[in-house]
């Protein structure tokens, strides 16, 4: 089946729920540089990551200065760090290299606004993806972006833009933004993503996932085979 990451986990109950439902990766927002509803401290993230079994990938979602991100990575020791803020191309290169020395994989979020431009130094999505693919990142997340929220917007990415990015690079490309149990299967058939990443689409509220939505999301995409191990 298509691999699934559920992001924005904030408690042990939701970690257990996602593991039981068969999620392949769980995401924790840690020390994010601007206010978001899902932010955890490093200490809280360490406790939750300790509850993630070996066969499920743990992913810390963060951003900001390079040394701050490295401090988060060294403290939490997640399997993956997802850079989800305003990191420059040079910073992404440096972080991907330094994180690899710790045995941690790096994913970079390419955040696209309603006008089709990236919140990145290279505004064209395809050109940005090609530049990022030359770094040591393991995968790219294509997500939506608004002025009020840097992620978890619930806004869908333009699917033609996603497909253009996917076709332009050989890196795994993960789709985020606006996914929910009712639309995810159709979107997978339209875009063929490496994996999907959902946050608000399976929430009961910002600090709690909805078990029924989590199970419906997973059941919606059963049977499409792919691997998360980027």
N, C-alpha and C. Protein backbone atom coordinates (compact mmCIF):
# COMPACT_ATOMS: atom_id res chain seq x y z
N UNK A 1 0.83 -1.20 0.00
CA UNK A 1 0.00 0.00 0.00
C UNK A 1 0.86 1.25 0.00
N UNK A 2 0.31 2.33 -0.45
CA UNK A 2 1.01 3.62 -0.37
C UNK A 2 1.35 3.91 1.08
N UNK A 3 2.55 4.36 1.31
CA UNK A 3 3.00 4.61 2.67
C UNK A 3 2.33 5.86 3.24
N UNK A 4 2.17 5.87 4.55
CA UNK A 4 1.43 6.94 5.22
C UNK A 4 2.23 7.46 6.40
N UNK A 5 2.33 8.79 6.46
CA UNK A 5 2.83 9.46 7.67
C UNK A 5 1.69 10.28 8.25
N UNK A 6 1.45 10.12 9.53
CA UNK A 6 0.52 10.99 10.24
C UNK A 6 1.34 11.91 11.13
N UNK A 7 1.10 13.19 10.99
CA UNK A 7 1.95 14.19 11.63
C UNK A 7 1.18 14.94 12.72
N UNK A 8 1.95 15.64 13.54
CA UNK A 8 1.37 16.46 14.59
C UNK A 8 0.91 15.68 15.80
N UNK A 9 1.55 14.53 16.08
CA UNK A 9 1.17 13.75 17.27
C UNK A 9 1.67 14.46 18.53
N UNK A 10 0.84 14.40 19.58
CA UNK A 10 1.17 15.14 20.80
C UNK A 10 1.00 14.33 22.08
N UNK A 11 0.62 13.06 21.97
CA UNK A 11 0.41 12.27 23.17
C UNK A 11 0.60 10.78 22.87
N UNK A 12 0.80 10.00 23.93
CA UNK A 12 1.07 8.57 23.78
C UNK A 12 -0.12 7.83 23.18
N UNK A 13 -1.33 8.26 23.50
CA UNK A 13 -2.52 7.59 22.97
C UNK A 13 -2.56 7.65 21.45
N UNK A 14 -2.19 8.80 20.90
CA UNK A 14 -2.21 8.94 19.45
C UNK A 14 -1.08 8.18 18.79
N UNK A 15 0.06 8.09 19.45
CA UNK A 15 1.15 7.24 18.93
C UNK A 15 0.66 5.79 18.84
N UNK A 16 0.07 5.31 19.93
CA UNK A 16 -0.43 3.93 19.95
C UNK A 16 -1.52 3.72 18.90
N UNK A 17 -2.41 4.70 18.74
CA UNK A 17 -3.47 4.61 17.73
C UNK A 17 -2.88 4.47 16.34
N UNK A 18 -1.92 5.32 16.00
CA UNK A 18 -1.33 5.28 14.66
C UNK A 18 -0.59 3.97 14.41
N UNK A 19 0.13 3.50 15.40
CA UNK A 19 0.84 2.23 15.26
C UNK A 19 -0.15 1.09 15.03
N UNK A 20 -1.20 1.05 15.83
CA UNK A 20 -2.20 -0.02 15.70
C UNK A 20 -2.90 0.04 14.35
N UNK A 21 -3.12 1.25 13.83
CA UNK A 21 -3.81 1.41 12.56
C UNK A 21 -2.94 1.03 11.36
N UNK A 22 -1.63 0.87 11.59
CA UNK A 22 -0.74 0.46 10.51
C UNK A 22 -0.04 1.60 9.80
N UNK A 23 0.04 2.76 10.45
CA UNK A 23 0.76 3.90 9.87
C UNK A 23 2.25 3.56 9.77
N UNK A 24 2.89 4.03 8.74
CA UNK A 24 4.29 3.69 8.51
C UNK A 24 5.28 4.66 9.14
N UNK A 25 4.84 5.90 9.34
CA UNK A 25 5.70 6.91 9.96
C UNK A 25 4.83 7.86 10.76
N UNK A 26 5.37 8.32 11.88
CA UNK A 26 4.67 9.27 12.74
C UNK A 26 5.52 10.52 12.89
N UNK A 27 4.85 11.68 12.85
CA UNK A 27 5.58 12.93 12.88
C UNK A 27 5.29 13.75 14.13
N UNK A 28 6.34 14.40 14.62
CA UNK A 28 6.26 15.22 15.82
C UNK A 28 6.84 16.60 15.51
N UNK A 29 6.04 17.64 15.70
CA UNK A 29 6.51 19.00 15.48
C UNK A 29 7.26 19.45 16.74
N UNK A 30 8.51 19.82 16.57
CA UNK A 30 9.37 20.08 17.74
C UNK A 30 10.04 21.45 17.61
N UNK A 31 9.87 22.27 18.63
CA UNK A 31 10.53 23.59 18.70
C UNK A 31 10.42 24.34 17.38
N UNK A 32 9.23 24.34 16.80
CA UNK A 32 9.05 25.04 15.54
C UNK A 32 9.21 26.54 15.78
N UNK A 33 9.83 27.26 14.85
CA UNK A 33 10.22 28.65 15.15
C UNK A 33 9.08 29.67 15.18
N UNK A 34 7.89 29.31 14.72
CA UNK A 34 6.74 30.20 14.85
C UNK A 34 5.60 29.41 15.49
N UNK A 35 4.62 30.07 16.11
CA UNK A 35 3.55 29.34 16.80
C UNK A 35 2.71 28.49 15.86
N UNK A 36 2.59 27.21 16.19
CA UNK A 36 1.68 26.28 15.51
C UNK A 36 1.01 25.43 16.59
N UNK A 37 -0.16 24.90 16.33
CA UNK A 37 -0.90 24.20 17.40
C UNK A 37 -0.25 22.91 17.89
N UNK A 38 0.69 22.36 17.14
CA UNK A 38 1.19 21.01 17.44
C UNK A 38 2.59 21.00 18.03
N UNK A 39 3.08 22.17 18.44
CA UNK A 39 4.47 22.28 18.86
C UNK A 39 4.76 21.53 20.16
N UNK A 40 5.84 20.75 20.16
CA UNK A 40 6.32 20.05 21.35
C UNK A 40 7.71 20.57 21.73
N UNK A 41 8.04 20.42 22.99
CA UNK A 41 9.42 20.66 23.41
C UNK A 41 10.26 19.44 23.05
N UNK A 42 11.57 19.62 23.08
CA UNK A 42 12.46 18.47 22.82
C UNK A 42 12.21 17.35 23.82
N UNK A 43 12.05 17.69 25.09
CA UNK A 43 11.86 16.66 26.12
C UNK A 43 10.57 15.88 25.88
N UNK A 44 9.50 16.58 25.53
CA UNK A 44 8.23 15.90 25.27
C UNK A 44 8.36 14.99 24.05
N UNK A 45 9.08 15.46 23.04
CA UNK A 45 9.26 14.64 21.84
C UNK A 45 10.07 13.39 22.13
N UNK A 46 11.10 13.53 22.95
CA UNK A 46 11.92 12.36 23.31
C UNK A 46 11.06 11.28 23.96
N UNK A 47 10.17 11.68 24.85
CA UNK A 47 9.30 10.71 25.53
C UNK A 47 8.38 10.01 24.55
N UNK A 48 7.83 10.74 23.59
CA UNK A 48 6.91 10.14 22.63
C UNK A 48 7.65 9.26 21.63
N UNK A 49 8.81 9.71 21.17
CA UNK A 49 9.58 8.91 20.21
C UNK A 49 9.99 7.58 20.82
N UNK A 50 10.20 7.57 22.13
CA UNK A 50 10.54 6.31 22.81
C UNK A 50 9.41 5.28 22.73
N UNK A 51 8.19 5.74 22.44
CA UNK A 51 7.04 4.83 22.35
C UNK A 51 6.84 4.28 20.92
N UNK A 52 7.63 4.75 19.98
CA UNK A 52 7.47 4.33 18.58
C UNK A 52 8.24 3.04 18.35
N UNK A 53 7.58 1.98 17.90
CA UNK A 53 8.28 0.71 17.68
C UNK A 53 9.25 0.79 16.51
N UNK A 54 10.17 -0.16 16.45
CA UNK A 54 11.24 -0.13 15.47
C UNK A 54 10.74 -0.13 14.03
N UNK A 55 9.65 -0.80 13.77
CA UNK A 55 9.18 -0.94 12.39
C UNK A 55 8.38 0.28 11.92
N UNK A 56 8.22 1.27 12.77
CA UNK A 56 7.55 2.51 12.40
C UNK A 56 8.59 3.64 12.46
N UNK A 57 8.66 4.46 11.42
CA UNK A 57 9.64 5.55 11.38
C UNK A 57 9.16 6.73 12.20
N UNK A 58 10.08 7.32 12.94
CA UNK A 58 9.79 8.55 13.68
C UNK A 58 10.38 9.73 12.92
N UNK A 59 9.60 10.80 12.83
CA UNK A 59 10.03 11.98 12.07
C UNK A 59 9.80 13.23 12.90
N UNK A 60 10.85 14.00 13.09
CA UNK A 60 10.75 15.30 13.75
C UNK A 60 10.61 16.37 12.68
N UNK A 61 9.58 17.19 12.82
CA UNK A 61 9.32 18.29 11.88
C UNK A 61 9.70 19.59 12.57
N UNK A 62 10.62 20.33 11.97
CA UNK A 62 11.13 21.52 12.64
C UNK A 62 11.68 22.50 11.61
N UNK A 63 12.35 23.52 12.09
CA UNK A 63 12.94 24.52 11.21
C UNK A 63 13.69 25.55 12.02
N UNK A 64 14.30 26.49 11.32
CA UNK A 64 15.05 27.53 12.01
C UNK A 64 16.54 27.45 11.74
N UNK A 65 17.35 28.02 12.61
CA UNK A 65 18.80 28.03 12.41
C UNK A 65 19.39 26.62 12.40
N UNK A 66 20.47 26.47 11.66
CA UNK A 66 21.10 25.15 11.52
C UNK A 66 21.47 24.55 12.86
N UNK A 67 22.10 25.31 13.72
CA UNK A 67 22.56 24.74 15.00
C UNK A 67 21.38 24.36 15.87
N UNK A 68 20.30 25.11 15.80
CA UNK A 68 19.12 24.74 16.56
C UNK A 68 18.52 23.43 16.08
N UNK A 69 18.48 23.25 14.77
CA UNK A 69 17.96 22.00 14.22
C UNK A 69 18.86 20.84 14.61
N UNK A 70 20.17 21.04 14.56
CA UNK A 70 21.09 19.96 14.95
C UNK A 70 20.91 19.61 16.43
N UNK A 71 20.67 20.61 17.27
CA UNK A 71 20.46 20.33 18.70
C UNK A 71 19.19 19.51 18.90
N UNK A 72 18.14 19.81 18.14
CA UNK A 72 16.91 19.03 18.21
C UNK A 72 17.16 17.59 17.77
N UNK A 73 17.88 17.44 16.66
CA UNK A 73 18.16 16.10 16.14
C UNK A 73 18.99 15.28 17.12
N UNK A 74 19.99 15.89 17.71
CA UNK A 74 20.85 15.18 18.65
C UNK A 74 20.09 14.78 19.91
N UNK A 75 19.12 15.62 20.32
CA UNK A 75 18.34 15.32 21.53
C UNK A 75 17.31 14.24 21.28
N UNK A 76 16.65 14.29 20.13
CA UNK A 76 15.51 13.40 19.89
C UNK A 76 15.89 12.09 19.20
N UNK A 77 16.93 12.13 18.37
CA UNK A 77 17.40 10.94 17.65
C UNK A 77 16.27 10.25 16.89
N UNK A 78 15.47 11.03 16.21
CA UNK A 78 14.43 10.45 15.36
C UNK A 78 15.07 9.82 14.13
N UNK A 79 14.31 9.00 13.43
CA UNK A 79 14.81 8.38 12.20
C UNK A 79 14.98 9.40 11.09
N UNK A 80 14.11 10.39 11.08
CA UNK A 80 14.06 11.39 10.01
C UNK A 80 13.87 12.77 10.61
N UNK A 81 14.49 13.77 10.01
CA UNK A 81 14.20 15.17 10.32
C UNK A 81 13.60 15.79 9.07
N UNK A 82 12.44 16.40 9.22
CA UNK A 82 11.77 17.10 8.12
C UNK A 82 11.94 18.59 8.30
N UNK A 83 12.64 19.22 7.37
CA UNK A 83 12.88 20.66 7.40
C UNK A 83 11.66 21.34 6.79
N UNK A 84 10.96 22.12 7.60
CA UNK A 84 9.64 22.62 7.18
C UNK A 84 9.49 24.11 7.39
N UNK A 85 10.60 24.83 7.19
CA UNK A 85 10.51 26.27 7.40
C UNK A 85 11.22 26.98 6.26
N UNK A 86 12.03 27.97 6.55
CA UNK A 86 12.63 28.82 5.52
C UNK A 86 14.10 28.52 5.30
N UNK A 87 14.48 27.26 5.41
CA UNK A 87 15.88 26.89 5.21
C UNK A 87 16.31 27.20 3.77
N UNK A 88 17.51 27.76 3.63
CA UNK A 88 18.05 28.04 2.31
C UNK A 88 18.61 26.76 1.70
N UNK A 89 18.91 26.82 0.42
CA UNK A 89 19.49 25.66 -0.25
C UNK A 89 20.81 25.26 0.40
N UNK A 90 21.64 26.24 0.73
CA UNK A 90 22.92 25.92 1.37
C UNK A 90 22.70 25.30 2.75
N UNK A 91 21.72 25.80 3.49
CA UNK A 91 21.42 25.23 4.81
C UNK A 91 20.91 23.80 4.67
N UNK A 92 20.08 23.55 3.68
CA UNK A 92 19.58 22.19 3.47
C UNK A 92 20.74 21.25 3.17
N UNK A 93 21.67 21.68 2.33
CA UNK A 93 22.85 20.86 2.01
C UNK A 93 23.64 20.54 3.27
N UNK A 94 23.89 21.57 4.07
CA UNK A 94 24.67 21.37 5.30
C UNK A 94 23.95 20.44 6.27
N UNK A 95 22.67 20.68 6.47
CA UNK A 95 21.91 19.86 7.41
C UNK A 95 21.82 18.41 6.94
N UNK A 96 21.55 18.19 5.67
CA UNK A 96 21.45 16.83 5.17
C UNK A 96 22.76 16.08 5.39
N UNK A 97 23.88 16.77 5.17
CA UNK A 97 25.18 16.12 5.38
C UNK A 97 25.42 15.82 6.86
N UNK A 98 25.20 16.82 7.70
CA UNK A 98 25.48 16.62 9.12
C UNK A 98 24.52 15.62 9.75
N UNK A 99 23.27 15.63 9.35
CA UNK A 99 22.32 14.65 9.89
C UNK A 99 22.66 13.24 9.44
N UNK A 100 23.16 13.10 8.22
CA UNK A 100 23.54 11.76 7.74
C UNK A 100 24.65 11.17 8.58
N UNK A 101 25.53 12.01 9.11
CA UNK A 101 26.61 11.53 9.98
C UNK A 101 26.06 10.97 11.29
N UNK A 102 24.85 11.39 11.66
CA UNK A 102 24.18 10.87 12.86
C UNK A 102 23.29 9.68 12.53
N UNK A 103 23.24 9.30 11.26
CA UNK A 103 22.36 8.21 10.85
C UNK A 103 20.91 8.64 10.71
N UNK A 104 20.70 9.94 10.54
CA UNK A 104 19.34 10.50 10.44
C UNK A 104 19.11 10.96 8.99
N UNK A 105 17.98 10.58 8.43
CA UNK A 105 17.63 11.01 7.08
C UNK A 105 16.97 12.39 7.12
N UNK A 106 17.07 13.08 6.00
CA UNK A 106 16.53 14.43 5.90
C UNK A 106 15.48 14.51 4.81
N UNK A 107 14.34 15.09 5.15
CA UNK A 107 13.30 15.41 4.18
C UNK A 107 13.14 16.93 4.17
N UNK A 108 12.97 17.50 3.00
CA UNK A 108 12.71 18.94 2.91
C UNK A 108 11.30 19.16 2.40
N UNK A 109 10.57 20.03 3.07
CA UNK A 109 9.23 20.41 2.62
C UNK A 109 9.33 21.55 1.62
N UNK A 110 8.71 21.34 0.47
CA UNK A 110 8.57 22.39 -0.53
C UNK A 110 7.15 22.92 -0.40
N UNK A 111 7.01 24.11 0.18
CA UNK A 111 5.70 24.65 0.54
C UNK A 111 5.23 25.60 -0.56
N UNK A 112 4.05 25.34 -1.08
CA UNK A 112 3.57 26.06 -2.25
C UNK A 112 2.30 26.84 -1.89
N UNK A 113 2.27 28.12 -2.28
CA UNK A 113 1.12 28.95 -1.94
C UNK A 113 0.03 28.83 -3.00
N UNK A 114 -1.06 29.54 -2.78
CA UNK A 114 -2.21 29.45 -3.70
C UNK A 114 -1.89 29.96 -5.10
N UNK A 115 -0.85 30.78 -5.21
CA UNK A 115 -0.45 31.28 -6.52
C UNK A 115 0.50 30.37 -7.25
N UNK A 116 0.84 29.23 -6.63
CA UNK A 116 1.73 28.26 -7.27
C UNK A 116 3.20 28.53 -7.08
N UNK A 117 3.55 29.46 -6.15
CA UNK A 117 4.94 29.79 -5.90
C UNK A 117 5.42 29.15 -4.60
N UNK A 118 6.71 28.84 -4.54
CA UNK A 118 7.29 28.22 -3.35
C UNK A 118 7.69 29.26 -2.31
N UNK A 119 7.53 28.91 -1.06
CA UNK A 119 8.08 29.70 0.04
C UNK A 119 9.54 29.29 0.20
N UNK A 120 10.35 29.67 -0.78
CA UNK A 120 11.74 29.21 -0.88
C UNK A 120 12.47 30.23 -1.73
N UNK A 121 13.79 30.22 -1.69
CA UNK A 121 14.56 31.19 -2.46
C UNK A 121 14.41 31.01 -3.97
N UNK A 122 14.01 29.81 -4.39
CA UNK A 122 13.69 29.54 -5.79
C UNK A 122 12.18 29.39 -5.86
N UNK A 123 11.46 30.39 -6.36
CA UNK A 123 9.99 30.36 -6.29
C UNK A 123 9.32 29.36 -7.22
N UNK A 124 9.97 28.99 -8.32
CA UNK A 124 9.38 28.03 -9.24
C UNK A 124 9.46 26.62 -8.66
N UNK A 125 8.34 25.91 -8.50
CA UNK A 125 8.36 24.61 -7.82
C UNK A 125 9.25 23.57 -8.48
N UNK A 126 9.22 23.48 -9.79
CA UNK A 126 10.03 22.46 -10.46
C UNK A 126 11.51 22.80 -10.36
N UNK A 127 11.87 24.06 -10.55
CA UNK A 127 13.27 24.45 -10.42
C UNK A 127 13.76 24.26 -8.99
N UNK A 128 12.91 24.58 -8.02
CA UNK A 128 13.29 24.38 -6.62
C UNK A 128 13.51 22.89 -6.33
N UNK A 129 12.61 22.06 -6.83
CA UNK A 129 12.73 20.62 -6.60
C UNK A 129 14.02 20.08 -7.21
N UNK A 130 14.35 20.53 -8.41
CA UNK A 130 15.59 20.06 -9.06
C UNK A 130 16.82 20.47 -8.28
N UNK A 131 16.81 21.70 -7.74
CA UNK A 131 17.95 22.15 -6.94
C UNK A 131 18.06 21.34 -5.65
N UNK A 132 16.94 21.11 -4.99
CA UNK A 132 16.96 20.36 -3.73
C UNK A 132 17.34 18.90 -3.95
N UNK A 133 17.00 18.36 -5.11
CA UNK A 133 17.33 16.96 -5.40
C UNK A 133 18.83 16.75 -5.52
N UNK A 134 19.60 17.82 -5.69
CA UNK A 134 21.05 17.70 -5.79
C UNK A 134 21.73 17.71 -4.42
N UNK A 135 20.96 17.93 -3.37
CA UNK A 135 21.50 17.84 -2.02
C UNK A 135 21.40 16.39 -1.56
N UNK A 136 21.73 16.15 -0.31
CA UNK A 136 21.69 14.79 0.22
C UNK A 136 20.37 14.46 0.91
N UNK A 137 19.31 15.22 0.63
CA UNK A 137 18.02 14.87 1.23
C UNK A 137 17.55 13.53 0.69
N UNK A 138 16.72 12.86 1.47
CA UNK A 138 16.22 11.53 1.09
C UNK A 138 14.89 11.60 0.38
N UNK A 139 14.13 12.68 0.58
CA UNK A 139 12.82 12.81 -0.05
C UNK A 139 12.38 14.26 0.03
N UNK A 140 11.36 14.57 -0.76
CA UNK A 140 10.78 15.90 -0.79
C UNK A 140 9.30 15.78 -0.42
N UNK A 141 8.84 16.65 0.47
CA UNK A 141 7.41 16.75 0.77
C UNK A 141 6.86 17.98 0.06
N UNK A 142 5.82 17.79 -0.73
CA UNK A 142 5.14 18.92 -1.36
C UNK A 142 3.90 19.23 -0.53
N UNK A 143 3.87 20.42 0.05
CA UNK A 143 2.82 20.81 0.98
C UNK A 143 2.28 22.18 0.60
N UNK A 144 1.13 22.51 1.11
CA UNK A 144 0.55 23.84 0.88
C UNK A 144 1.04 24.81 1.95
N UNK A 145 0.90 26.09 1.63
CA UNK A 145 1.41 27.14 2.50
C UNK A 145 0.46 28.32 2.45
N UNK A 146 0.16 28.88 3.62
CA UNK A 146 -0.61 30.12 3.67
C UNK A 146 0.11 31.09 4.60
N UNK A 147 -0.30 32.35 4.53
CA UNK A 147 0.33 33.36 5.38
C UNK A 147 0.10 33.09 6.86
N UNK A 148 -1.01 32.42 7.19
CA UNK A 148 -1.34 32.20 8.59
C UNK A 148 -0.76 30.91 9.16
N UNK A 149 -0.50 29.92 8.31
CA UNK A 149 0.03 28.65 8.78
C UNK A 149 1.11 28.14 7.83
N UNK A 150 2.30 27.76 8.36
CA UNK A 150 3.37 27.26 7.51
C UNK A 150 3.18 25.81 7.09
N UNK A 151 2.25 25.13 7.73
CA UNK A 151 1.95 23.74 7.42
C UNK A 151 0.69 23.36 8.17
N UNK A 152 0.16 22.15 7.88
CA UNK A 152 -1.09 21.77 8.52
C UNK A 152 -2.23 22.67 8.15
N UNK A 153 -2.22 23.17 6.91
CA UNK A 153 -3.19 24.18 6.50
C UNK A 153 -4.55 23.58 6.17
N UNK A 154 -4.59 22.30 5.80
CA UNK A 154 -5.82 21.70 5.31
C UNK A 154 -6.15 22.12 3.89
N UNK A 155 -5.24 22.85 3.24
CA UNK A 155 -5.43 23.32 1.87
C UNK A 155 -4.72 22.36 0.92
N UNK A 156 -5.39 21.97 -0.14
CA UNK A 156 -4.81 21.02 -1.09
C UNK A 156 -3.76 21.69 -1.98
N UNK A 157 -2.74 20.93 -2.33
CA UNK A 157 -1.75 21.36 -3.31
C UNK A 157 -2.34 21.14 -4.71
N UNK A 158 -2.01 22.05 -5.63
CA UNK A 158 -2.43 21.85 -7.03
C UNK A 158 -1.80 20.55 -7.54
N UNK A 159 -2.63 19.62 -7.99
CA UNK A 159 -2.15 18.28 -8.32
C UNK A 159 -1.29 18.28 -9.58
N UNK A 160 -1.55 19.19 -10.50
CA UNK A 160 -0.70 19.25 -11.69
C UNK A 160 0.71 19.72 -11.32
N UNK A 161 0.80 20.62 -10.34
CA UNK A 161 2.11 21.05 -9.86
C UNK A 161 2.84 19.90 -9.19
N UNK A 162 2.11 19.14 -8.38
CA UNK A 162 2.73 17.99 -7.73
C UNK A 162 3.26 17.01 -8.77
N UNK A 163 2.48 16.71 -9.78
CA UNK A 163 2.91 15.74 -10.80
C UNK A 163 4.11 16.26 -11.57
N UNK A 164 4.16 17.56 -11.83
CA UNK A 164 5.31 18.14 -12.54
C UNK A 164 6.58 17.99 -11.70
N UNK A 165 6.46 18.19 -10.39
CA UNK A 165 7.61 18.00 -9.50
C UNK A 165 8.02 16.54 -9.48
N UNK A 166 7.07 15.65 -9.32
CA UNK A 166 7.37 14.23 -9.25
C UNK A 166 8.08 13.74 -10.51
N UNK A 167 7.66 14.26 -11.66
CA UNK A 167 8.25 13.83 -12.93
C UNK A 167 9.61 14.46 -13.20
N UNK A 168 9.92 15.55 -12.49
CA UNK A 168 11.15 16.29 -12.76
C UNK A 168 12.37 15.74 -12.02
N UNK A 169 12.13 14.96 -10.95
CA UNK A 169 13.24 14.47 -10.12
C UNK A 169 13.09 12.97 -9.85
N UNK A 170 14.19 12.36 -9.46
CA UNK A 170 14.16 10.93 -9.14
C UNK A 170 13.98 10.67 -7.65
N UNK A 171 14.10 11.71 -6.83
CA UNK A 171 13.86 11.54 -5.39
C UNK A 171 12.41 11.14 -5.12
N UNK A 172 12.17 10.40 -4.04
CA UNK A 172 10.78 10.18 -3.62
C UNK A 172 10.09 11.50 -3.33
N UNK A 173 8.85 11.64 -3.80
CA UNK A 173 8.08 12.87 -3.57
C UNK A 173 6.81 12.49 -2.81
N UNK A 174 6.64 13.12 -1.65
CA UNK A 174 5.54 12.83 -0.74
C UNK A 174 4.50 13.94 -0.86
N UNK A 175 3.24 13.57 -0.86
CA UNK A 175 2.17 14.56 -1.00
C UNK A 175 1.53 14.86 0.34
N UNK A 176 1.41 16.14 0.65
CA UNK A 176 0.72 16.61 1.85
C UNK A 176 -0.24 17.72 1.45
N UNK A 177 -1.09 18.12 2.39
CA UNK A 177 -1.98 19.25 2.16
C UNK A 177 -3.37 18.86 1.73
N UNK A 178 -4.34 19.04 2.63
CA UNK A 178 -5.74 18.85 2.28
C UNK A 178 -6.20 17.42 2.14
N UNK A 179 -5.41 16.46 2.59
CA UNK A 179 -5.79 15.05 2.48
C UNK A 179 -6.72 14.66 3.62
N UNK A 180 -7.67 13.78 3.32
CA UNK A 180 -8.58 13.26 4.33
C UNK A 180 -9.08 11.89 3.88
N UNK A 181 -9.82 11.17 4.73
CA UNK A 181 -10.26 9.82 4.36
C UNK A 181 -11.13 9.77 3.12
N UNK A 182 -11.83 10.86 2.81
CA UNK A 182 -12.76 10.86 1.68
C UNK A 182 -12.09 11.11 0.34
N UNK A 183 -10.93 11.79 0.34
CA UNK A 183 -10.33 12.14 -0.95
C UNK A 183 -9.00 11.46 -1.23
N UNK A 184 -8.41 10.79 -0.26
CA UNK A 184 -7.03 10.35 -0.42
C UNK A 184 -6.87 9.29 -1.51
N UNK A 185 -7.81 8.37 -1.63
CA UNK A 185 -7.67 7.32 -2.63
C UNK A 185 -7.69 7.90 -4.04
N UNK A 186 -8.64 8.78 -4.31
CA UNK A 186 -8.73 9.40 -5.63
C UNK A 186 -7.47 10.20 -5.95
N UNK A 187 -6.96 10.92 -4.95
CA UNK A 187 -5.76 11.72 -5.16
C UNK A 187 -4.55 10.83 -5.43
N UNK A 188 -4.45 9.71 -4.73
CA UNK A 188 -3.35 8.78 -4.99
C UNK A 188 -3.41 8.27 -6.43
N UNK A 189 -4.60 7.92 -6.89
CA UNK A 189 -4.74 7.43 -8.26
C UNK A 189 -4.37 8.51 -9.28
N UNK A 190 -4.62 9.77 -8.93
CA UNK A 190 -4.33 10.88 -9.85
C UNK A 190 -2.85 11.25 -9.88
N UNK A 191 -2.15 11.07 -8.75
CA UNK A 191 -0.81 11.64 -8.63
C UNK A 191 0.31 10.61 -8.43
N UNK A 192 -0.03 9.41 -8.01
CA UNK A 192 0.97 8.37 -7.75
C UNK A 192 2.11 8.86 -6.86
N UNK A 193 1.82 9.37 -5.67
CA UNK A 193 2.89 9.84 -4.79
C UNK A 193 3.66 8.68 -4.18
N UNK A 194 4.88 8.97 -3.78
CA UNK A 194 5.68 7.97 -3.06
C UNK A 194 5.01 7.62 -1.73
N UNK A 195 4.49 8.65 -1.08
CA UNK A 195 3.80 8.49 0.20
C UNK A 195 2.88 9.68 0.40
N UNK A 196 2.00 9.59 1.38
CA UNK A 196 1.13 10.71 1.72
C UNK A 196 1.35 11.08 3.19
N UNK A 197 1.14 12.34 3.47
CA UNK A 197 1.41 12.90 4.80
C UNK A 197 0.17 13.69 5.22
N UNK A 198 -0.46 13.27 6.33
CA UNK A 198 -1.73 13.89 6.73
C UNK A 198 -1.61 14.40 8.16
N UNK A 199 -2.28 15.52 8.42
CA UNK A 199 -2.29 16.10 9.76
C UNK A 199 -3.73 16.46 10.13
N UNK A 200 -4.22 17.60 9.67
CA UNK A 200 -5.55 18.05 10.09
C UNK A 200 -6.66 17.13 9.58
N UNK A 201 -6.42 16.42 8.50
CA UNK A 201 -7.46 15.57 7.92
C UNK A 201 -7.87 14.39 8.77
N UNK A 202 -7.10 14.08 9.82
CA UNK A 202 -7.47 12.98 10.72
C UNK A 202 -7.54 13.46 12.17
N UNK A 203 -7.76 14.75 12.36
CA UNK A 203 -7.84 15.29 13.72
C UNK A 203 -9.26 15.29 14.26
N UNK A 204 -9.33 15.14 15.59
CA UNK A 204 -10.54 15.48 16.33
C UNK A 204 -10.45 16.94 16.76
N UNK A 205 -9.26 17.30 17.24
CA UNK A 205 -8.89 18.68 17.54
C UNK A 205 -7.36 18.72 17.43
N UNK A 206 -6.76 19.90 17.61
CA UNK A 206 -5.34 20.02 17.29
C UNK A 206 -4.44 19.12 18.12
N UNK A 207 -4.86 18.78 19.34
CA UNK A 207 -4.01 17.94 20.18
C UNK A 207 -4.50 16.50 20.27
N UNK A 208 -5.40 16.10 19.38
CA UNK A 208 -5.96 14.76 19.46
C UNK A 208 -6.38 14.27 18.07
N UNK A 209 -5.91 13.08 17.70
CA UNK A 209 -6.36 12.48 16.45
C UNK A 209 -7.71 11.79 16.66
N UNK A 210 -8.46 11.68 15.60
CA UNK A 210 -9.77 11.04 15.63
C UNK A 210 -9.59 9.58 15.19
N UNK A 211 -9.79 8.60 16.10
CA UNK A 211 -9.55 7.20 15.74
C UNK A 211 -10.32 6.76 14.50
N UNK A 212 -11.58 7.17 14.39
CA UNK A 212 -12.38 6.75 13.23
C UNK A 212 -11.77 7.30 11.94
N UNK A 213 -11.32 8.54 11.96
CA UNK A 213 -10.71 9.13 10.76
C UNK A 213 -9.38 8.46 10.42
N UNK A 214 -8.60 8.15 11.46
CA UNK A 214 -7.32 7.47 11.21
C UNK A 214 -7.55 6.12 10.54
N UNK A 215 -8.47 5.34 11.09
CA UNK A 215 -8.73 4.02 10.52
C UNK A 215 -9.35 4.12 9.13
N UNK A 216 -10.24 5.08 8.92
CA UNK A 216 -10.82 5.26 7.58
C UNK A 216 -9.77 5.68 6.57
N UNK A 217 -8.85 6.53 6.99
CA UNK A 217 -7.78 6.98 6.11
C UNK A 217 -6.94 5.78 5.67
N UNK A 218 -6.57 4.94 6.64
CA UNK A 218 -5.75 3.78 6.31
C UNK A 218 -6.51 2.78 5.45
N UNK A 219 -7.77 2.56 5.75
CA UNK A 219 -8.57 1.63 4.96
C UNK A 219 -8.77 2.15 3.53
N UNK A 220 -8.80 3.46 3.36
CA UNK A 220 -9.01 4.04 2.04
C UNK A 220 -7.90 3.70 1.07
N UNK A 221 -6.71 3.48 1.58
CA UNK A 221 -5.57 3.29 0.67
C UNK A 221 -4.94 1.91 0.76
N UNK A 222 -5.61 0.98 1.40
CA UNK A 222 -5.08 -0.38 1.47
C UNK A 222 -4.91 -0.97 0.07
N UNK A 223 -3.81 -1.70 -0.10
CA UNK A 223 -3.64 -2.44 -1.33
C UNK A 223 -2.74 -1.82 -2.37
N UNK A 224 -2.28 -0.56 -2.15
CA UNK A 224 -1.33 0.06 -3.07
C UNK A 224 0.05 -0.08 -2.47
N UNK A 225 0.93 -0.84 -3.10
CA UNK A 225 2.23 -1.19 -2.51
C UNK A 225 3.30 -0.16 -2.84
N UNK A 226 3.97 0.32 -1.78
CA UNK A 226 5.06 1.26 -1.96
C UNK A 226 5.90 1.26 -0.69
N UNK A 227 7.07 1.84 -0.65
CA UNK A 227 7.91 1.83 0.54
C UNK A 227 8.24 3.21 1.06
N UNK A 228 8.19 3.38 2.38
CA UNK A 228 8.57 4.68 3.00
C UNK A 228 10.07 4.82 3.11
N UNK A 229 10.81 3.72 3.15
CA UNK A 229 12.23 3.77 3.54
C UNK A 229 13.08 4.62 2.66
N UNK A 230 12.90 5.93 2.71
CA UNK A 230 13.61 6.84 1.82
C UNK A 230 15.04 7.07 2.29
